[in-house]
Amino acid sequence: MEHQHRSTKRLSPDSDTEDMTMLLAPRLAYFAGVARTEHVTRAAQELNVPQSTLSRAMARLEQDLGVDLFTRHGRTVSLTPAGRTFLTSVERALGEVRRAADEVRADADPTTGKVAFGFLHTMGAETVPGLLQAFRADHPRIRFSLVQNYGEAMIEKLRAGELDLCLTSPVPDAPGLAARRLDEQKLRLVVPADHPLANRKRIRLAEAADETFVTLEPGYGLRRITDDLCKEAGFRPRIAFEGEEAETLRGLVAAGLGVALLPPPAFPRPGVVELTVTAPRAAREIGVAWLEGRPDTPPVAAFKRFLLSRRGNLLPA
């Protein structure tokens, strides 16, 4: 393998890193093959490329780096000290590429692939476990990365590519997103067990206008729904506590610190009474959302079809 004089400018130490990567990356596997065999002809056979192509690639690699990577001995080569240093990093980089390729192929496998699935905290105790149990009856080896969060945070994760699908409320209507309504969940006014309203079964929300409320923080879908329902009932809620999780709010209600509009609990909570709200109509829509136009891997497509098939039957009875 002979050095060839070229007019191409060498990469200087201050060359742009991205430019250097684009120049060097295609030749790294060739370099590792020659370094492993210490013979250009054998390396060309193993790599299934013409020997002349391999020779030119190695000469250009040395020219771009500005250092000799090989010492030539007829048809054989050996690494220079610079070549050995370079090989250590190249093998590590190629190993990372191989691992990354194996990982993305595994995640896309129709039988054993992975779904990144987000959902609301209020759906974590009962709804989602039931859905996953039903889905895995037919897809027992598909894996899940599960993320619990509030709606806006999950939408951000969808846009960032960190989630494939999410169950959220309200059903989003935003550019770049696709969403489908799946079900509806009634909301109840939760009051302390010793509250004057606790002996009631039904209530108009306007009757709670003078109560102190505990709610989720701004940005949560349920908080927005609470504010809208109270406005429709003719008042602005007086809020004493804001939290991040519905069951914590139930605990605050049980402690006598306020009332709350919440979906039904997975399990009965002592110390509170849950009243049906007759007016305005108190409910939240639950839907599934995904990034519009992004191709689905086979496991994601299968789980999306499953969720859409549960329309009207998503939530536990």
Foldseek 3Di string as FASTA:
>chain_A
DDADDDPDAAADPPHDPVVVCVLCVVCLVLLLLCAVVQFLVVSCVVVVHDSVVSVVSQNVNCRNNVHDQWDDDPRGIHGDPVVVVVNVVSVVVVVVVVVVVVLVVQLLDLQQHEFEEEEEQQCPPPQVVVLVVVLCVVRVRYYYRYHYAADVVVVVCQVVVNHAKYKYWPFDDDPQKDKDWFAKFFKWKKAFCPDPCNVDAEDAVLVCQVWEEEEADPPGRQRVLVQVQVVQSPHGHHYDYHHGHDVVRNVCRLVVNTIYIGTDHPDDDPGMHTHGHPPPGGMIIIMMMHGPPDDDRNNSVSSVVSSNVCRHPSDDD
